[in-house]
């Protein structure tokens, strides 16, 4: 079968037109303005725009502005909410940091007789006091044992002295009795003689 060149060209144009994808229409406001400008008629230096196209473009612009205002309002509400949340978070953070400082201070301090003292100072003074008491106790124990041994020695010496004195007294009494007898004997001799 022979193809006519006219039929061949018609088939080629048909295939080319079906092979191309339809151009996607730009629906942005800029694209709509460009499309309106392309389809409008020119009269001298002016462009003539159809009323329906103008009204459609106006409606699209107003819808876009309404959508943009709605999004802007939503964003502002989100921003206000985020700022309020941020302020609450900041207040909470400040409160928590103050509570943490108070807890750390309370953890590191001890209240003694209504006076707040740091734990390290309290421990240092307590151990100093305890060691001082221990040294004083050891000193008094040493003094007590020393004095106890001295008093025991003095008591033993007193007992020895009492014993010696008792012996001396006995001897003295015996000697005195002997002397009295001797004296009495002499007196008796003198009387008898």
C-alpha atoms as a PDB file:
ATOM      1  CA  UNK A   1       0.000   0.000   0.000  1.00  0.00           C
ATOM      2  CA  UNK A   2       1.231   3.371  -0.972  1.00  0.00           C
ATOM      3  CA  UNK A   3       0.849   6.283   1.284  1.00  0.00           C
ATOM      4  CA  UNK A   4       0.015   9.642   0.014  1.00  0.00           C
ATOM      5  CA  UNK A   5       2.398  12.365   1.214  1.00  0.00           C
ATOM      6  CA  UNK A   6      -0.587  14.364   2.474  1.00  0.00           C
ATOM      7  CA  UNK A   7      -1.824  11.391   4.516  1.00  0.00           C
ATOM      8  CA  UNK A   8       1.679  10.775   5.764  1.00  0.00           C
ATOM      9  CA  UNK A   9       2.048  14.362   7.026  1.00  0.00           C
ATOM     10  CA  UNK A  10      -1.426  14.235   8.649  1.00  0.00           C
ATOM     11  CA  UNK A  11      -0.593  11.012  10.451  1.00  0.00           C
ATOM     12  CA  UNK A  12       2.755  12.401  11.564  1.00  0.00           C
ATOM     13  CA  UNK A  13       1.126  15.545  13.004  1.00  0.00           C
ATOM     14  CA  UNK A  14      -1.511  13.423  14.732  1.00  0.00           C
ATOM     15  CA  UNK A  15       1.102  11.176  16.330  1.00  0.00           C
ATOM     16  CA  UNK A  16       3.229  14.146  17.359  1.00  0.00           C
ATOM     17  CA  UNK A  17       0.245  15.912  18.907  1.00  0.00           C
ATOM     18  CA  UNK A  18      -0.779  12.787  20.846  1.00  0.00           C
ATOM     19  CA  UNK A  19       2.820  12.022  21.854  1.00  0.00           C
ATOM     20  CA  UNK A  20       3.259  15.396  23.540  1.00  0.00           C
ATOM     21  CA  UNK A  21       1.999  15.707  27.083  1.00  0.00           C
ATOM     22  CA  UNK A  22      -0.350  18.551  27.680  1.00  0.00           C
ATOM     23  CA  UNK A  23       1.469  21.513  29.216  1.00  0.00           C
ATOM     24  CA  UNK A  24       0.693  21.939  32.862  1.00  0.00           C
ATOM     25  CA  UNK A  25      -1.102  25.162  33.523  1.00  0.00           C
ATOM     26  CA  UNK A  26       0.570  27.516  36.016  1.00  0.00           C
ATOM     27  CA  UNK A  27      -2.096  28.196  38.648  1.00  0.00           C
ATOM     28  CA  UNK A  28      -0.102  30.714  40.655  1.00  0.00           C
ATOM     29  CA  UNK A  29      -1.193  34.347  40.581  1.00  0.00           C
ATOM     30  CA  UNK A  30       1.809  35.261  38.470  1.00  0.00           C
ATOM     31  CA  UNK A  31       0.981  32.464  36.011  1.00  0.00           C
ATOM     32  CA  UNK A  32      -2.668  33.564  35.851  1.00  0.00           C
ATOM     33  CA  UNK A  33      -1.642  37.176  35.163  1.00  0.00           C
ATOM     34  CA  UNK A  34       0.710  36.005  32.406  1.00  0.00           C
ATOM     35  CA  UNK A  35      -1.980  33.774  30.876  1.00  0.00           C
ATOM     36  CA  UNK A  36      -4.517  36.669  30.973  1.00  0.00           C
ATOM     37  CA  UNK A  37      -1.993  38.945  29.319  1.00  0.00           C
ATOM     38  CA  UNK A  38      -1.381  36.377  26.540  1.00  0.00           C
ATOM     39  CA  UNK A  39      -5.053  35.808  25.756  1.00  0.00           C
ATOM     40  CA  UNK A  40      -6.083  39.450  25.929  1.00  0.00           C
ATOM     41  CA  UNK A  41      -6.457  41.489  22.773  1.00  0.00           C
ATOM     42  CA  UNK A  42      -4.281  44.437  21.943  1.00  0.00           C
ATOM     43  CA  UNK A  43      -5.700  47.771  20.901  1.00  0.00           C
ATOM     44  CA  UNK A  44      -3.065  50.339  20.051  1.00  0.00           C
ATOM     45  CA  UNK A  45      -0.828  50.376  23.162  1.00  0.00           C
ATOM     46  CA  UNK A  46      -3.515  48.894  25.429  1.00  0.00           C
ATOM     47  CA  UNK A  47      -4.574  45.410  26.306  1.00  0.00           C
ATOM     48  CA  UNK A  48      -8.234  44.567  26.328  1.00  0.00           C
ATOM     49  CA  UNK A  49      -9.271  42.041  28.941  1.00  0.00           C
ATOM     50  CA  UNK A  50     -12.582  40.236  28.909  1.00  0.00           C
ATOM     51  CA  UNK A  51     -14.945  40.790  31.854  1.00  0.00           C
ATOM     52  CA  UNK A  52     -15.240  37.097  32.617  1.00  0.00           C
ATOM     53  CA  UNK A  53     -11.461  36.654  32.641  1.00  0.00           C
ATOM     54  CA  UNK A  54     -11.101  39.747  34.827  1.00  0.00           C
ATOM     55  CA  UNK A  55     -13.776  38.543  37.268  1.00  0.00           C
ATOM     56  CA  UNK A  56     -12.226  35.068  37.406  1.00  0.00           C
ATOM     57  CA  UNK A  57      -8.773  36.585  38.074  1.00  0.00           C
ATOM     58  CA  UNK A  58     -10.248  38.915  40.713  1.00  0.00           C
ATOM     59  CA  UNK A  59     -11.958  35.991  42.439  1.00  0.00           C
ATOM     60  CA  UNK A  60      -8.725  33.970  42.322  1.00  0.00           C
ATOM     61  CA  UNK A  61      -6.724  36.891  43.757  1.00  0.00           C
ATOM     62  CA  UNK A  62      -9.280  37.441  46.548  1.00  0.00           C
ATOM     63  CA  UNK A  63      -9.304  33.709  47.335  1.00  0.00           C
ATOM     64  CA  UNK A  64      -5.513  33.666  47.401  1.00  0.00           C
ATOM     65  CA  UNK A  65      -5.455  36.721  49.696  1.00  0.00           C
ATOM     66  CA  UNK A  66      -8.092  35.139  51.951  1.00  0.00           C
ATOM     67  CA  UNK A  67      -6.078  31.909  52.115  1.00  0.00           C
ATOM     68  CA  UNK A  68      -2.887  33.874  52.760  1.00  0.00           C
ATOM     69  CA  UNK A  69      -4.585  35.889  55.533  1.00  0.00           C
ATOM     70  CA  UNK A  70      -5.958  32.682  57.052  1.00  0.00           C
ATOM     71  CA  UNK A  71      -2.494  31.072  56.975  1.00  0.00           C
ATOM     72  CA  UNK A  72      -0.978  34.264  58.383  1.00  0.00           C
ATOM     73  CA  UNK A  73      -3.550  34.289  61.194  1.00  0.00           C
ATOM     74  CA  UNK A  74      -2.863  30.613  61.927  1.00  0.00           C
ATOM     75  CA  UNK A  75       0.883  31.272  61.934  1.00  0.00           C
ATOM     76  CA  UNK A  76       0.378  34.268  64.232  1.00  0.00           C
ATOM     77  CA  UNK A  77      -1.742  32.149  66.572  1.00  0.00           C
ATOM     78  CA  UNK A  78       0.931  29.453  66.520  1.00  0.00           C
ATOM     79  CA  UNK A  79       3.595  32.087  67.169  1.00  0.00           C
ATOM     80  CA  UNK A  80       1.596  33.546  70.089  1.00  0.00           C
ATOM     81  CA  UNK A  81       1.070  30.035  71.477  1.00  0.00           C
ATOM     82  CA  UNK A  82       4.753  29.244  71.025  1.00  0.00           C
ATOM     83  CA  UNK A  83       5.757  32.510  72.751  1.00  0.00           C
ATOM     84  CA  UNK A  84       3.354  31.821  75.632  1.00  0.00           C
ATOM     85  CA  UNK A  85       4.701  28.283  75.886  1.00  0.00           C
ATOM     86  CA  UNK A  86       8.245  29.651  75.753  1.00  0.00           C
ATOM     87  CA  UNK A  87       7.434  32.172  78.491  1.00  0.00           C
ATOM     88  CA  UNK A  88       5.877  29.424  80.638  1.00  0.00           C
ATOM     89  CA  UNK A  89       8.891  27.222  79.980  1.00  0.00           C
ATOM     90  CA  UNK A  90      11.205  30.103  80.921  1.00  0.00           C
ATOM     91  CA  UNK A  91       9.239  30.709  84.140  1.00  0.00           C
ATOM     92  CA  UNK A  92       9.310  26.999  84.902  1.00  0.00           C
ATOM     93  CA  UNK A  93      13.042  26.897  84.187  1.00  0.00           C
ATOM     94  CA  UNK A  94      13.621  29.882  86.468  1.00  0.00           C
ATOM     95  CA  UNK A  95      11.475  28.309  89.185  1.00  0.00           C
ATOM     96  CA  UNK A  96      13.255  24.974  88.828  1.00  0.00           C
ATOM     97  CA  UNK A  97      16.693  26.611  88.904  1.00  0.00           C
ATOM     98  CA  UNK A  98      15.730  28.511  92.088  1.00  0.00           C
ATOM     99  CA  UNK A  99      14.415  25.283  93.600  1.00  0.00           C
ATOM    100  CA  UNK A 100      17.626  23.516  92.578  1.00  0.00           C
ATOM    101  CA  UNK A 101      19.762  26.228  94.187  1.00  0.00           C
ATOM    102  CA  UNK A 102      17.658  26.047  97.352  1.00  0.00           C
ATOM    103  CA  UNK A 103      17.931  22.238  97.374  1.00  0.00           C
ATOM    104  CA  UNK A 104      21.688  22.357  96.861  1.00  0.00           C
ATOM    105  CA  UNK A 105      22.014  24.937  99.645  1.00  0.00           C
ATOM    106  CA  UNK A 106      19.776  22.854 101.892  1.00  0.00           C
ATOM    107  CA  UNK A 107      21.820  19.764 100.991  1.00  0.00           C
ATOM    108  CA  UNK A 108      25.124  21.488 101.820  1.00  0.00           C
ATOM    109  CA  UNK A 109      23.913  23.311 104.959  1.00  0.00           C
ATOM    110  CA  UNK A 110      22.852  22.184 108.410  1.00  0.00           C
ATOM    111  CA  UNK A 111      20.637  24.210 110.705  1.00  0.00           C
ATOM    112  CA  UNK A 112      22.101  24.263 114.207  1.00  0.00           C
ATOM    113  CA  UNK A 113      20.270  26.324 116.853  1.00  0.00           C
ATOM    114  CA  UNK A 114      18.574  28.285 114.064  1.00  0.00           C
ATOM    115  CA  UNK A 115      21.884  29.151 112.373  1.00  0.00           C
ATOM    116  CA  UNK A 116      22.641  27.768 108.924  1.00  0.00           C
ATOM    117  CA  UNK A 117      26.124  26.222 108.828  1.00  0.00           C
ATOM    118  CA  UNK A 118      27.883  24.573 105.896  1.00  0.00           C
ATOM    119  CA  UNK A 119      28.334  20.832 106.348  1.00  0.00           C
ATOM    120  CA  UNK A 120      32.120  21.006 105.961  1.00  0.00           C
ATOM    121  CA  UNK A 121      32.398  23.665 108.683  1.00  0.00           C
ATOM    122  CA  UNK A 122      30.014  21.703 110.898  1.00  0.00           C
ATOM    123  CA  UNK A 123      31.977  18.476 110.440  1.00  0.00           C
ATOM    124  CA  UNK A 124      35.283  20.268 111.031  1.00  0.00           C
ATOM    125  CA  UNK A 125      34.070  21.959 114.233  1.00  0.00           C
ATOM    126  CA  UNK A 126      32.359  18.761 115.458  1.00  0.00           C
ATOM    127  CA  UNK A 127      35.483  16.640 114.984  1.00  0.00           C
ATOM    128  CA  UNK A 128      37.633  19.356 116.558  1.00  0.00           C
ATOM    129  CA  UNK A 129      35.303  19.359 119.572  1.00  0.00           C
ATOM    130  CA  UNK A 130      35.326  15.542 119.777  1.00  0.00           C
ATOM    131  CA  UNK A 131      39.138  15.372 119.525  1.00  0.00           C
ATOM    132  CA  UNK A 132      39.458  18.094 122.169  1.00  0.00           C
ATOM    133  CA  UNK A 133      37.177  16.108 124.482  1.00  0.00           C
ATOM    134  CA  UNK A 134      39.168  12.930 123.830  1.00  0.00           C
ATOM    135  CA  UNK A 135      42.467  14.705 124.612  1.00  0.00           C
ATOM    136  CA  UNK A 136      40.941  16.235 127.750  1.00  0.00           C
ATOM    137  CA  UNK A 137      39.670  12.798 128.821  1.00  0.00           C
ATOM    138  CA  UNK A 138      43.102  11.252 128.228  1.00  0.00           C
ATOM    139  CA  UNK A 139      44.738  14.104 130.184  1.00  0.00           C
ATOM    140  CA  UNK A 140      42.347  13.641 133.108  1.00  0.00           C
ATOM    141  CA  UNK A 141      42.817   9.862 133.039  1.00  0.00           C
ATOM    142  CA  UNK A 142      46.590  10.372 133.112  1.00  0.00           C
ATOM    143  CA  UNK A 143      46.301  12.869 135.957  1.00  0.00           C
ATOM    144  CA  UNK A 144      43.915  10.561 137.848  1.00  0.00           C
ATOM    145  CA  UNK A 145      46.201   7.538 137.536  1.00  0.00           C
ATOM    146  CA  UNK A 146      49.224   9.627 138.523  1.00  0.00           C
ATOM    147  CA  UNK A 147      47.414  11.077 141.544  1.00  0.00           C
ATOM    148  CA  UNK A 148      45.973   7.685 142.426  1.00  0.00           C
ATOM    149  CA  UNK A 149      49.418   6.090 142.470  1.00  0.00           C
ATOM    150  CA  UNK A 150      50.733   9.027 144.503  1.00  0.00           C
ATOM    151  CA  UNK A 151      47.867   8.768 147.000  1.00  0.00           C
ATOM    152  CA  UNK A 152      48.334   4.981 147.246  1.00  0.00           C
ATOM    153  CA  UNK A 153      52.046   5.526 147.901  1.00  0.00           C
ATOM    154  CA  UNK A 154      51.211   8.190 150.471  1.00  0.00           C
ATOM    155  CA  UNK A 155      48.709   5.855 152.176  1.00  0.00           C
ATOM    156  CA  UNK A 156      51.281   3.046 152.197  1.00  0.00           C
ATOM    157  CA  UNK A 157      53.866   5.444 153.588  1.00  0.00           C
ATOM    158  CA  UNK A 158      51.330   6.551 156.215  1.00  0.00           C
ATOM    159  CA  UNK A 159      50.632   2.949 157.186  1.00  0.00           C
ATOM    160  CA  UNK A 160      54.360   2.295 157.435  1.00  0.00           C
ATOM    161  CA  UNK A 161      54.799   5.449 159.458  1.00  0.00           C
ATOM    162  CA  UNK A 162      51.857   4.502 161.697  1.00  0.00           C
ATOM    163  CA  UNK A 163      53.384   1.077 162.187  1.00  0.00           C
ATOM    164  CA  UNK A 164      56.770   2.560 162.997  1.00  0.00           C
ATOM    165  CA  UNK A 165      55.154   5.121 165.278  1.00  0.00           C
ATOM    166  CA  UNK A 166      53.220   2.371 167.055  1.00  0.00           C
ATOM    167  CA  UNK A 167      56.412   0.431 167.529  1.00  0.00           C
ATOM    168  CA  UNK A 168      58.196   3.544 168.718  1.00  0.00           C
ATOM    169  CA  UNK A 169      55.365   4.289 171.138  1.00  0.00           C
ATOM    170  CA  UNK A 170      55.413   0.760 172.472  1.00  0.00           C
ATOM    171  CA  UNK A 171      59.123   0.911 172.918  1.00  0.00           C
ATOM    172  CA  UNK A 172      58.777   4.289 174.552  1.00  0.00           C
ATOM    173  CA  UNK A 173      56.089   3.029 176.863  1.00  0.00           C
ATOM    174  CA  UNK A 174      58.171  -0.005 177.680  1.00  0.00           C
ATOM    175  CA  UNK A 175      61.191   2.157 178.266  1.00  0.00           C
ATOM    176  CA  UNK A 176      59.165   4.570 180.349  1.00  0.00           C
ATOM    177  CA  UNK A 177      57.705   1.697 182.358  1.00  0.00           C
ATOM    178  CA  UNK A 178      61.184   0.318 182.804  1.00  0.00           C
ATOM    179  CA  UNK A 179      62.426   3.674 183.960  1.00  0.00           C
ATOM    180  CA  UNK A 180      59.521   4.032 186.373  1.00  0.00           C
ATOM    181  CA  UNK A 181      60.198   0.628 187.809  1.00  0.00           C
ATOM    182  CA  UNK A 182      63.780   1.431 188.106  1.00  0.00           C
ATOM    183  CA  UNK A 183      62.900   4.718 189.692  1.00  0.00           C
ATOM    184  CA  UNK A 184      60.389   3.081 191.989  1.00  0.00           C
ATOM    185  CA  UNK A 185      62.914   0.454 192.879  1.00  0.00           C
ATOM    186  CA  UNK A 186      65.401   3.186 193.676  1.00  0.00           C
ATOM    187  CA  UNK A 187      62.833   5.080 195.672  1.00  0.00           C
ATOM    188  CA  UNK A 188      61.968   1.908 197.525  1.00  0.00           C
ATOM    189  CA  UNK A 189      65.614   1.226 198.159  1.00  0.00           C
ATOM    190  CA  UNK A 190      66.091   4.668 199.473  1.00  0.00           C
ATOM    191  CA  UNK A 191      63.211   4.389 201.759  1.00  0.00           C
ATOM    192  CA  UNK A 192      64.220   1.102 203.031  1.00  0.00           C
ATOM    193  CA  UNK A 193      67.678   2.043 203.590  1.00  0.00           C
END
